[in-house]
Amino acid sequence: MSNIILKSATFDNKVKQYWMCLAAIFSLFPVVTIVFLPVVLLLVWLVAGRVLAAMSADLLECKLVVKRGILFKEEKSIPLEKITDVGLSQGPLMRLFGLYRLSFETAGQSGHGALVSLLGVVNASEFREAILTQKDNLTSDQPAQSNNDEPQSQVELIRSLTYSVKNIEQMLVNLLDERK
């Protein structure tokens, strides 16, 4: 094997001009939109109250139910046994306002990032601990229950395996689509 170069690529100097134009456009964007800032802030103020009123997160015995949305309503039910991580994060601006973001990741989840994230939960660390405590209580009660209800636990296992297989199939489809 030799390291002979068969062909080298050269780059057009117009790329510098293209990058300069993009920089100029992005620099002008705030100047143009600054006129609309009061209108945007008023709209955000009016809509934000409705968005917050439409958000809820309820910890039930076996699952966490998250609801949100005004025009497009969304409800997610996350079984506690599937939760692998409950993250608590706070950026610099969030720290200024005393806000936290709770993010939930689950087993069998496809894609990167959290399945659900909630911004601004009051007493977020207490809510997080309540979720983790209930998850631990649920998993510690489960072995005693599985001895009494063996057919039911087998059905749960089959459901869990089916769910995992479907997620694996979806990941494979995504990988194949990316390679095309």
Protein backbone atom coordinates (compact mmCIF):
# COMPACT_ATOMS: atom_id res chain seq x y z
CA MET A 1 0.00 0.00 0.00
CA SER A 2 1.42 3.32 -1.05
CA ASN A 3 0.40 6.76 0.07
CA ILE A 4 0.23 8.25 -3.40
CA ILE A 5 -2.23 11.10 -3.71
CA LEU A 6 -4.46 10.54 -6.72
CA LYS A 7 -6.35 13.82 -6.60
CA SER A 8 -6.46 16.79 -4.23
CA ALA A 9 -9.39 19.08 -3.68
CA THR A 10 -9.01 22.81 -3.96
CA PHE A 11 -11.29 25.33 -2.36
CA ASP A 12 -12.80 28.42 -3.94
CA ASN A 13 -11.91 31.74 -2.33
CA LYS A 14 -15.59 32.73 -2.67
CA VAL A 15 -16.23 30.71 0.51
CA LYS A 16 -14.70 33.59 2.49
CA GLN A 17 -17.14 36.01 0.86
CA TYR A 18 -20.04 33.62 1.53
CA TRP A 19 -19.11 33.40 5.22
CA MET A 20 -18.80 37.19 5.41
CA CYS A 21 -22.28 37.60 3.89
CA LEU A 22 -23.75 35.11 6.39
CA ALA A 23 -22.07 36.97 9.25
CA ALA A 24 -23.46 40.28 7.96
CA ILE A 25 -27.00 38.85 7.62
CA PHE A 26 -26.94 37.39 11.13
CA SER A 27 -25.55 40.67 12.48
CA LEU A 28 -28.35 42.66 10.83
CA PHE A 29 -31.08 40.31 12.02
CA PRO A 30 -31.25 41.75 15.57
CA VAL A 31 -31.27 45.32 14.22
CA VAL A 32 -34.31 44.56 12.03
CA THR A 33 -36.21 42.62 14.67
CA ILE A 34 -35.55 45.01 17.56
CA VAL A 35 -38.56 47.04 16.35
CA PHE A 36 -40.83 44.04 16.98
CA LEU A 37 -39.42 43.30 20.45
CA PRO A 38 -42.27 44.99 22.42
CA VAL A 39 -44.91 43.09 20.41
CA VAL A 40 -43.08 39.79 20.86
CA LEU A 41 -42.68 40.34 24.61
CA LEU A 42 -46.39 41.20 24.95
CA LEU A 43 -47.41 38.05 23.04
CA VAL A 44 -45.09 35.87 25.13
CA TRP A 45 -46.48 37.39 28.33
CA LEU A 46 -50.07 36.72 27.26
CA VAL A 47 -49.49 33.17 25.99
CA ALA A 48 -47.09 32.08 28.75
CA GLY A 49 -49.85 32.11 31.38
CA ARG A 50 -51.99 29.77 29.32
CA VAL A 51 -49.05 27.49 28.59
CA LEU A 52 -48.24 27.25 32.30
CA ALA A 53 -51.88 26.61 33.19
CA ALA A 54 -52.00 23.75 30.66
CA MET A 55 -48.91 22.04 32.14
CA SER A 56 -49.21 19.38 34.82
CA ALA A 57 -47.17 16.50 36.15
CA ASP A 58 -48.79 13.94 38.45
CA LEU A 59 -46.94 11.19 40.26
CA LEU A 60 -49.22 8.17 40.52
CA GLU A 61 -48.53 4.87 42.24
CA CYS A 62 -47.00 3.21 39.17
CA LYS A 63 -46.46 6.02 36.67
CA LEU A 64 -45.78 9.67 36.07
CA VAL A 65 -48.34 11.50 33.91
CA VAL A 66 -47.21 14.69 32.18
CA LYS A 67 -49.69 16.91 30.32
CA ARG A 68 -49.01 20.06 28.35
CA GLY A 69 -50.06 22.09 25.34
CA ILE A 70 -52.65 24.65 24.31
CA LEU A 71 -53.31 24.03 20.62
CA PHE A 72 -51.56 20.68 20.41
CA LYS A 73 -52.24 18.85 23.64
CA GLU A 74 -49.75 16.22 24.69
CA GLU A 75 -50.03 13.64 27.44
CA LYS A 76 -47.23 11.26 28.30
CA SER A 77 -47.46 8.41 30.76
CA ILE A 78 -44.10 7.14 31.97
CA PRO A 79 -44.09 3.89 33.97
CA LEU A 80 -41.88 4.40 37.03
CA GLU A 81 -40.14 1.06 36.50
CA LYS A 82 -38.93 2.30 33.08
CA ILE A 83 -37.37 5.52 34.43
CA THR A 84 -33.58 5.19 34.43
CA ASP A 85 -32.65 8.77 35.31
CA VAL A 86 -34.29 11.88 36.71
CA GLY A 87 -31.97 14.78 36.00
CA LEU A 88 -32.07 18.11 37.79
CA SER A 89 -30.33 20.94 35.92
CA GLN A 90 -30.02 24.69 36.20
CA GLY A 91 -28.37 27.05 33.72
CA PRO A 92 -27.09 30.55 34.54
CA LEU A 93 -30.31 32.36 33.51
CA MET A 94 -32.42 29.73 35.27
CA ARG A 95 -30.28 30.24 38.42
CA LEU A 96 -31.06 33.97 38.24
CA PHE A 97 -34.81 33.18 38.37
CA GLY A 98 -34.46 30.24 40.78
CA LEU A 99 -35.76 27.71 38.23
CA TYR A 100 -34.78 24.08 37.64
CA ARG A 101 -35.33 21.65 34.78
CA LEU A 102 -36.33 18.07 35.55
CA SER A 103 -35.55 15.62 32.76
CA PHE A 104 -36.68 12.00 32.59
CA GLU A 105 -34.91 9.28 30.66
CA THR A 106 -36.30 5.80 30.28
CA ALA A 107 -35.10 2.32 29.45
CA GLY A 108 -35.62 1.47 25.79
CA GLN A 109 -35.79 5.14 24.82
CA SER A 110 -34.70 5.84 21.27
CA GLY A 111 -32.86 9.01 20.38
CA HIS A 112 -30.71 11.31 22.45
CA GLY A 113 -31.78 13.52 25.29
CA ALA A 114 -34.65 13.31 27.71
CA LEU A 115 -37.99 11.72 26.91
CA VAL A 116 -39.73 14.46 28.91
CA SER A 117 -38.39 17.59 30.53
CA LEU A 118 -40.23 19.96 32.84
CA LEU A 119 -39.08 23.52 33.42
CA GLY A 120 -40.04 25.44 36.53
CA VAL A 121 -41.43 22.74 38.83
CA VAL A 122 -41.84 24.27 42.28
CA ASN A 123 -39.65 22.38 44.79
CA ALA A 124 -38.11 20.42 41.92
CA SER A 125 -35.66 18.53 44.14
CA GLU A 126 -38.52 17.35 46.40
CA PHE A 127 -40.56 16.22 43.37
CA ARG A 128 -37.50 14.39 42.04
CA GLU A 129 -36.93 12.64 45.37
CA ALA A 130 -40.62 11.68 45.55
CA ILE A 131 -40.39 10.08 42.11
CA LEU A 132 -37.20 8.19 42.95
CA THR A 133 -38.60 7.06 46.31
CA GLN A 134 -41.82 5.81 44.71
CA LYS A 135 -39.77 4.05 42.01
CA ASP A 136 -37.68 2.34 44.72
CA ASN A 137 -40.82 1.39 46.69
CA LEU A 138 -42.37 -0.04 43.55
CA THR A 139 -39.31 -2.12 42.67
CA SER A 140 -38.86 -3.36 46.27
CA ASP A 141 -42.52 -4.46 46.42
CA GLN A 142 -42.36 -6.19 43.05
CA PRO A 143 -40.48 -9.42 44.03
CA ALA A 144 -43.04 -10.25 46.74
CA GLN A 145 -45.85 -9.55 44.30
CA SER A 146 -44.36 -11.65 41.51
CA ASN A 147 -44.42 -14.79 43.69
CA ASN A 148 -48.14 -14.37 44.32
CA ASP A 149 -49.10 -13.26 40.82
CA GLU A 150 -46.77 -15.20 38.54
CA PRO A 151 -49.02 -15.19 35.43
CA GLN A 152 -49.43 -11.41 35.73
CA SER A 153 -45.67 -10.86 36.01
CA GLN A 154 -45.14 -13.01 32.90
CA VAL A 155 -47.57 -10.83 30.98
CA GLU A 156 -45.68 -7.73 32.17
CA LEU A 157 -42.40 -9.34 31.07
CA ILE A 158 -43.80 -10.15 27.61
CA ARG A 159 -45.08 -6.56 27.28
CA SER A 160 -41.70 -5.22 28.30
CA LEU A 161 -39.87 -7.46 25.84
CA THR A 162 -42.27 -6.54 23.04
CA TYR A 163 -41.74 -2.85 23.79
CA SER A 164 -37.96 -3.33 23.71
CA VAL A 165 -38.06 -5.25 20.42
CA LYS A 166 -40.19 -2.51 18.83
CA ASN A 167 -37.69 0.13 19.99
CA ILE A 168 -34.78 -1.89 18.59
CA GLU A 169 -36.61 -2.28 15.27
CA GLN A 170 -37.22 1.49 15.16
CA MET A 171 -33.53 2.17 15.86
CA LEU A 172 -32.53 -0.19 13.05
CA VAL A 173 -34.92 1.55 10.64
CA ASN A 174 -33.42 4.91 11.65
CA LEU A 175 -29.89 3.60 11.10
CA LEU A 176 -30.81 2.26 7.66
CA ASP A 177 -32.45 5.58 6.74
CA GLU A 178 -29.30 7.47 7.79
CA ARG A 179 -27.10 5.31 5.58
CA LYS A 180 -29.18 5.96 2.46
